[in-house]
Amino acid sequence: MFFKSVKFREVQHLAFSDEYITAYVSVNHVPKIHLSVNTPRDEYGFAKGKSKRYFRVGFGKWLTERAFVKKYFSEE
């Protein structure tokens, strides 16, 4: 998969009552790829459920991994 070769570094953490958001930016890919990992939280603030990963380039729209790869790296 394409993202196995991309290295990311953490740049920001946000905590809301219902989810944690951790932001990353690529360090070895141009243009920079932004990654957001959104993790749901329970009423006590603990992580619960499966994290969702979203990607974008620059100020583009946030896309799921499948949609991002299809848009930017498809062979068509």
Protein backbone atom coordinates (compact mmCIF):
# COMPACT_ATOMS: atom_id res chain seq x y z
CA MET A 1 0.00 0.00 0.00
CA PHE A 2 1.15 3.52 -0.76
CA PHE A 3 0.99 4.85 2.81
CA LYS A 4 3.47 2.29 4.15
CA SER A 5 6.28 4.30 2.51
CA VAL A 6 5.10 7.70 3.81
CA LYS A 7 6.47 8.84 7.17
CA PHE A 8 4.28 11.09 9.33
CA ARG A 9 5.02 13.24 12.38
CA GLU A 10 2.51 14.38 14.98
CA VAL A 11 1.71 18.07 14.87
CA GLN A 12 -1.42 18.53 16.99
CA HIS A 13 -3.75 16.90 19.51
CA LEU A 14 -7.32 18.01 20.09
CA ALA A 15 -9.66 16.59 22.72
CA PHE A 16 -13.40 17.06 22.51
CA SER A 17 -16.05 15.52 24.74
CA ASP A 18 -16.90 12.86 22.15
CA GLU A 19 -13.58 12.27 20.31
CA TYR A 20 -9.80 12.72 20.22
CA ILE A 21 -8.22 14.10 17.06
CA THR A 22 -4.53 13.62 16.36
CA ALA A 23 -3.10 15.47 13.35
CA TYR A 24 -0.04 14.35 11.40
CA VAL A 25 1.88 15.71 8.41
CA SER A 26 4.11 13.77 6.01
CA VAL A 27 7.85 14.40 6.24
CA ASN A 28 9.13 12.56 3.17
CA HIS A 29 6.51 13.30 0.53
CA VAL A 30 5.88 16.39 -1.60
CA PRO A 31 3.27 17.80 -1.63
CA LYS A 32 2.71 17.30 2.09
CA ILE A 33 -0.04 14.87 3.02
CA HIS A 34 -2.08 15.68 6.11
CA LEU A 35 -3.52 12.83 8.19
CA SER A 36 -6.22 13.12 10.85
CA VAL A 37 -6.92 10.20 13.19
CA ASN A 38 -10.28 10.62 14.91
CA THR A 39 -10.85 8.34 17.92
CA PRO A 40 -14.27 8.22 19.63
CA ARG A 41 -14.44 8.68 23.43
CA ASP A 42 -16.86 7.40 26.03
CA GLU A 43 -18.56 9.56 28.70
CA TYR A 44 -15.52 9.13 31.00
CA GLY A 45 -13.04 10.38 28.39
CA PHE A 46 -11.51 7.01 27.54
CA ALA A 47 -10.96 5.95 23.94
CA LYS A 48 -13.62 3.57 22.63
CA GLY A 49 -14.40 2.12 19.25
CA LYS A 50 -12.41 2.15 16.05
CA SER A 51 -10.40 5.17 14.90
CA LYS A 52 -11.18 6.79 11.55
CA ARG A 53 -8.36 8.06 9.32
CA TYR A 54 -8.78 10.98 6.93
CA PHE A 55 -6.26 12.40 4.45
CA ARG A 56 -5.86 15.62 2.45
CA VAL A 57 -3.30 17.58 0.43
CA GLY A 58 -2.93 21.28 1.26
CA PHE A 59 -6.31 22.83 2.03
CA GLY A 60 -8.25 20.20 0.08
CA LYS A 61 -11.25 18.26 1.30
CA TRP A 62 -10.71 15.53 3.92
CA LEU A 63 -11.06 12.09 2.31
CA THR A 64 -11.04 8.52 3.57
CA GLU A 65 -7.95 6.48 2.71
CA ARG A 66 -9.72 4.64 -0.11
CA ALA A 67 -11.11 7.85 -1.67
CA PHE A 68 -7.75 9.64 -1.30
CA VAL A 69 -5.81 6.88 -3.06
CA LYS A 70 -8.45 6.67 -5.79
CA LYS A 71 -8.38 10.44 -6.38
CA TYR A 72 -4.62 11.06 -6.32
CA PHE A 73 -2.99 7.74 -7.17
CA SER A 74 -5.32 5.90 -9.52
CA GLU A 75 -3.94 4.60 -12.80
CA GLU A 76 -6.76 6.15 -14.84
